[in-house]
Amino acid sequence: MSLLKVLHGKKHWLYHRFSTILLFPLILWIIYSLSFVPEITHENMTLWVSKTPNFIFLSILIIISARHFQLGIQVILEDYISTIKFRDFYIKLVNIIYYFLALLGLIAITRVYFGV
């Protein structure tokens, strides 16, 4: 195993742990913040997302959680798919799904925030 692969694995591990650390307060924030919404209806959630701090924190939560998902799935693929060709294909597919989900989530809340 080359030094480059070891450094890549260490960096990957650190990114995954760092995203976990960032997700923890964001999850606590969303639970706390949503506890003040009197009833989970479309109108109340639209009002909740339209507040700037909620929009910003929700955007950060979407990006970090999608990245965390991507990193976790990549580890599983690297551990259990031995054929490099298939593994690389599936990792690229997961990366595309990661970007798609993050973009879709950001577009959705941006449309609500700006009232589109």
Protein backbone atom coordinates (compact mmCIF):
# COMPACT_ATOMS: atom_id res chain seq x y z
CA MET A 1 0.00 0.00 0.00
CA SER A 2 1.50 3.29 -1.03
CA LEU A 3 1.93 6.30 1.24
CA LEU A 4 -0.42 8.28 -1.00
CA LYS A 5 -3.27 5.81 -0.38
CA VAL A 6 -2.65 5.91 3.37
CA LEU A 7 -2.76 9.72 3.35
CA HIS A 8 -5.94 9.64 1.26
CA GLY A 9 -7.54 7.19 3.70
CA LYS A 10 -6.53 9.30 6.69
CA LYS A 11 -7.92 12.45 5.09
CA HIS A 12 -11.13 10.64 4.22
CA TRP A 13 -11.46 9.40 7.81
CA LEU A 14 -10.84 12.91 9.18
CA TYR A 15 -13.43 14.47 6.82
CA HIS A 16 -16.01 11.88 7.89
CA ARG A 17 -15.35 12.52 11.60
CA PHE A 18 -15.35 16.28 11.06
CA SER A 19 -18.71 16.11 9.29
CA THR A 20 -20.05 14.08 12.22
CA ILE A 21 -18.88 16.76 14.65
CA LEU A 22 -20.53 19.47 12.53
CA LEU A 23 -23.76 17.52 12.17
CA PHE A 24 -24.26 17.06 15.91
CA PRO A 25 -24.99 20.73 16.79
CA LEU A 26 -26.98 21.16 13.58
CA ILE A 27 -29.23 18.22 14.47
CA LEU A 28 -29.69 19.65 17.98
CA TRP A 29 -30.49 23.04 16.46
CA ILE A 30 -33.13 21.65 14.08
CA ILE A 31 -34.80 19.65 16.86
CA TYR A 32 -34.80 22.68 19.17
CA SER A 33 -35.91 25.09 16.44
CA LEU A 34 -38.72 22.88 15.18
CA SER A 35 -39.98 22.39 18.73
CA PHE A 36 -41.21 26.00 18.60
CA VAL A 37 -43.28 25.42 15.47
CA PRO A 38 -46.84 25.07 16.84
CA GLU A 39 -48.00 22.61 14.20
CA ILE A 40 -46.13 21.06 11.30
CA THR A 41 -48.16 22.38 8.40
CA HIS A 42 -47.07 23.61 5.00
CA GLU A 43 -47.72 27.23 5.96
CA ASN A 44 -45.81 27.00 9.26
CA MET A 45 -42.86 25.27 7.63
CA THR A 46 -42.79 27.85 4.85
CA LEU A 47 -42.67 30.58 7.49
CA TRP A 48 -39.97 28.71 9.39
CA VAL A 49 -37.72 28.26 6.32
CA SER A 50 -38.28 31.88 5.26
CA LYS A 51 -36.43 33.14 8.35
CA THR A 52 -32.84 33.87 7.35
CA PRO A 53 -31.03 32.04 10.21
CA ASN A 54 -33.17 28.93 9.62
CA PHE A 55 -32.48 29.09 5.89
CA ILE A 56 -28.72 29.41 6.44
CA PHE A 57 -28.48 26.63 9.03
CA LEU A 58 -30.74 24.35 6.99
CA SER A 59 -28.57 24.94 3.91
CA ILE A 60 -25.46 24.03 5.89
CA LEU A 61 -27.23 20.95 7.29
CA ILE A 62 -28.19 19.78 3.80
CA ILE A 63 -24.65 20.18 2.44
CA ILE A 64 -22.91 18.54 5.39
CA SER A 65 -25.38 15.66 5.72
CA ALA A 66 -25.21 14.89 1.99
CA ARG A 67 -21.40 14.92 2.15
CA HIS A 68 -21.47 12.71 5.26
CA PHE A 69 -23.72 10.28 3.38
CA GLN A 70 -21.33 10.26 0.42
CA LEU A 71 -18.27 9.63 2.59
CA GLY A 72 -19.96 6.79 4.47
CA ILE A 73 -21.21 5.03 1.36
CA GLN A 74 -17.78 5.40 -0.25
CA VAL A 75 -16.15 3.60 2.69
CA ILE A 76 -18.65 0.76 2.38
CA LEU A 77 -18.00 0.47 -1.36
CA GLU A 78 -14.22 0.52 -0.86
CA ASP A 79 -14.45 -2.18 1.81
CA TYR A 80 -16.81 -4.60 0.08
CA ILE A 81 -16.29 -4.26 -3.68
CA SER A 82 -12.98 -5.84 -4.65
CA THR A 83 -13.14 -5.25 -8.41
CA ILE A 84 -11.57 -1.83 -8.90
CA LYS A 85 -13.51 -1.10 -12.10
CA PHE A 86 -16.89 -1.69 -10.43
CA ARG A 87 -15.85 0.04 -7.23
CA ASP A 88 -14.73 3.18 -9.08
CA PHE A 89 -17.96 3.19 -11.09
CA TYR A 90 -20.11 2.96 -7.98
CA ILE A 91 -18.09 5.60 -6.16
CA LYS A 92 -18.56 7.96 -9.11
CA LEU A 93 -22.28 7.13 -9.12
CA VAL A 94 -22.52 7.90 -5.38
CA ASN A 95 -20.70 11.20 -5.98
CA ILE A 96 -23.22 12.14 -8.66
CA ILE A 97 -26.07 11.23 -6.33
CA TYR A 98 -24.44 13.31 -3.56
CA TYR A 99 -24.23 16.41 -5.73
CA PHE A 100 -27.75 15.86 -7.05
CA LEU A 101 -29.30 15.47 -3.60
CA ALA A 102 -27.45 18.46 -2.17
CA LEU A 103 -28.40 20.62 -5.15
CA LEU A 104 -32.02 19.45 -5.07
CA GLY A 105 -32.31 20.20 -1.34
CA LEU A 106 -30.74 23.63 -1.74
CA ILE A 107 -32.98 24.49 -4.68
CA ALA A 108 -36.06 23.40 -2.72
CA ILE A 109 -35.37 25.52 0.34
CA THR A 110 -34.15 28.46 -1.76
CA ARG A 111 -37.45 28.45 -3.63
CA VAL A 112 -39.31 28.49 -0.34
CA TYR A 113 -37.04 31.19 1.12
CA PHE A 114 -37.49 33.52 -1.86
CA GLY A 115 -41.16 32.66 -2.28
CA VAL A 116 -40.83 31.27 -5.79
